[in-house]
Amino acid sequence: MKVELVAIEWLRAHEETRPRKVRELAKITKKWGCYTKPLLVDRKSGAILDGHHRHAVGHILNLSRLPVVLFDYFEDDSITVEPWPNCGLETLSKQDIIDMSISDELYPPKTSRHTTSWKSPPIAESLERLAKLND
């Protein structure tokens, strides 16, 4: 599984974040001086499937790039999506996620739950490197 660095502006959220959790994660990320887990992102649209809080932290820390694992969301059966219990939705499709990511709206926090048949690789991508435009 390949971790790549992509421009933070290219990434598109589909779900809101919890401000308190973002602040806590930003504090920890700054303390560690690195990102330890990549975001999961659709390679065609830039839709964030997992990692909305890490994306928000990137903006707080004025990073230019973020570490991601890219894949073809519609073609890859190793990742699935369903609504979180009690989120107000009975069903949620991959197309719903992409549509929301390209709209001007966002689902509330904890609306979509993506699962994969694989684990994200551990990383240690320095904040200094992520702040640079090119490496």
Protein backbone atom coordinates (compact mmCIF):
# COMPACT_ATOMS: atom_id res chain seq x y z
CA MET A 1 0.00 0.00 0.00
CA LYS A 2 1.53 3.26 -1.15
CA VAL A 3 1.31 6.48 0.88
CA GLU A 4 1.49 9.63 -1.22
CA LEU A 5 1.64 13.33 -0.40
CA VAL A 6 -1.10 15.42 -2.01
CA ALA A 7 -2.00 19.11 -1.93
CA ILE A 8 -4.33 19.85 0.96
CA GLU A 9 -6.48 22.06 -1.32
CA TRP A 10 -7.26 19.08 -3.57
CA LEU A 11 -8.89 17.12 -0.75
CA ARG A 12 -12.68 17.33 -0.41
CA ALA A 13 -14.56 16.67 2.81
CA HIS A 14 -18.01 15.11 2.91
CA GLU A 15 -18.51 15.27 6.68
CA GLU A 16 -18.16 17.94 9.37
CA THR A 17 -15.64 17.55 12.17
CA ARG A 18 -15.95 18.03 15.91
CA PRO A 19 -13.99 21.20 16.83
CA ARG A 20 -12.90 19.87 20.21
CA LYS A 21 -11.52 16.69 18.69
CA VAL A 22 -9.69 18.72 16.02
CA ARG A 23 -8.06 20.91 18.68
CA GLU A 24 -6.98 17.86 20.71
CA LEU A 25 -5.61 16.10 17.63
CA ALA A 26 -3.78 19.26 16.52
CA LYS A 27 -2.11 19.50 19.92
CA ILE A 28 -1.01 15.85 19.81
CA THR A 29 0.12 16.08 16.18
CA LYS A 30 2.21 19.16 16.98
CA LYS A 31 3.73 17.41 20.00
CA TRP A 32 4.66 14.37 17.92
CA GLY A 33 5.85 16.57 15.05
CA CYS A 34 4.36 14.24 12.46
CA TYR A 35 1.32 12.51 11.00
CA THR A 36 1.16 8.87 12.07
CA LYS A 37 -1.75 7.75 9.89
CA PRO A 38 -2.60 8.61 6.27
CA LEU A 39 -6.02 9.77 5.10
CA LEU A 40 -8.02 7.45 2.84
CA VAL A 41 -8.97 9.29 -0.37
CA ASP A 42 -10.72 8.60 -3.67
CA ARG A 43 -8.10 9.10 -6.40
CA LYS A 44 -10.57 10.56 -8.92
CA SER A 45 -12.47 13.12 -6.85
CA GLY A 46 -10.18 13.81 -3.89
CA ALA A 47 -13.04 12.86 -1.56
CA ILE A 48 -11.84 12.12 1.96
CA LEU A 49 -13.25 8.79 3.08
CA ASP A 50 -11.42 8.59 6.38
CA GLY A 51 -9.39 11.36 7.99
CA HIS A 52 -11.59 14.45 8.21
CA HIS A 53 -10.12 15.46 11.56
CA ARG A 54 -6.56 14.97 10.27
CA HIS A 55 -7.50 17.13 7.27
CA ALA A 56 -8.80 19.88 9.59
CA VAL A 57 -5.59 19.66 11.64
CA GLY A 58 -3.60 20.16 8.42
CA HIS A 59 -5.41 23.46 7.88
CA ILE A 60 -4.82 24.58 11.48
CA LEU A 61 -1.11 23.79 11.16
CA ASN A 62 -0.91 25.52 7.74
CA LEU A 63 0.32 22.39 5.98
CA SER A 64 0.61 22.34 2.19
CA ARG A 65 0.32 18.57 1.76
CA LEU A 66 -1.08 15.59 3.60
CA PRO A 67 -0.22 11.87 3.50
CA VAL A 68 -2.92 9.80 1.84
CA VAL A 69 -3.64 6.36 0.46
CA LEU A 70 -5.37 6.78 -2.89
CA PHE A 71 -7.65 4.22 -4.49
CA ASP A 72 -10.55 3.93 -6.92
CA TYR A 73 -13.49 4.18 -4.53
CA PHE A 74 -16.11 2.79 -6.91
CA GLU A 75 -13.99 -0.08 -8.23
CA ASP A 76 -12.35 -1.17 -4.99
CA ASP A 77 -14.56 -3.65 -3.14
CA SER A 78 -12.13 -3.71 -0.20
CA ILE A 79 -13.74 -0.52 1.14
CA THR A 80 -17.38 -0.25 2.06
CA VAL A 81 -19.58 2.49 3.48
CA GLU A 82 -22.59 2.43 5.74
CA PRO A 83 -24.30 4.99 7.98
CA TRP A 84 -23.31 5.13 11.64
CA PRO A 85 -26.10 3.95 13.94
CA ASN A 86 -28.46 6.76 14.97
CA CYS A 87 -27.11 9.21 12.40
CA GLY A 88 -30.54 9.69 10.86
CA LEU A 89 -29.86 7.82 7.61
CA GLU A 90 -30.89 4.26 6.90
CA THR A 91 -28.66 3.84 3.85
CA LEU A 92 -25.59 5.51 2.42
CA SER A 93 -23.87 4.72 -0.87
CA LYS A 94 -20.47 5.47 -2.30
CA GLN A 95 -22.20 7.78 -4.78
CA ASP A 96 -23.82 9.67 -1.87
CA ILE A 97 -20.36 10.26 -0.41
CA ILE A 98 -18.91 11.56 -3.68
CA ASP A 99 -21.97 13.75 -4.32
CA MET A 100 -21.67 15.34 -0.87
CA SER A 101 -17.92 15.89 -1.27
CA ILE A 102 -18.43 17.89 -4.46
CA SER A 103 -21.36 19.87 -3.06
CA ASP A 104 -21.23 22.95 -0.84
CA GLU A 105 -22.73 21.00 2.06
CA LEU A 106 -21.43 18.45 4.56
CA TYR A 107 -22.98 15.59 6.48
CA PRO A 108 -22.92 15.96 10.28
CA PRO A 109 -20.01 14.28 12.13
CA LYS A 110 -20.21 10.49 12.37
CA THR A 111 -22.63 10.04 9.46
CA SER A 112 -20.57 7.71 7.27
CA ARG A 113 -18.61 4.71 8.42
CA HIS A 114 -16.02 3.33 6.02
CA THR A 115 -14.52 -0.08 6.61
CA THR A 116 -11.68 -1.75 4.78
CA SER A 117 -10.35 -5.27 4.53
CA TRP A 118 -6.85 -3.91 5.24
CA LYS A 119 -5.18 -1.74 7.85
CA SER A 120 -3.72 1.68 7.16
CA PRO A 121 0.07 1.57 7.26
CA PRO A 122 1.75 3.35 10.18
CA ILE A 123 3.75 6.36 9.05
CA ALA A 124 5.85 9.18 10.52
CA GLU A 125 5.51 12.01 8.01
CA SER A 126 7.11 15.12 9.50
CA LEU A 127 5.17 18.35 9.78
CA GLU A 128 8.19 20.16 8.36
CA ARG A 129 8.01 18.09 5.17
CA LEU A 130 4.20 18.47 4.95
CA ALA A 131 4.49 22.26 5.26
CA LYS A 132 6.73 22.45 2.17
CA LEU A 133 5.14 22.87 -1.24
CA ASN A 134 7.55 20.45 -2.92
CA ASP A 135 10.06 17.96 -1.66
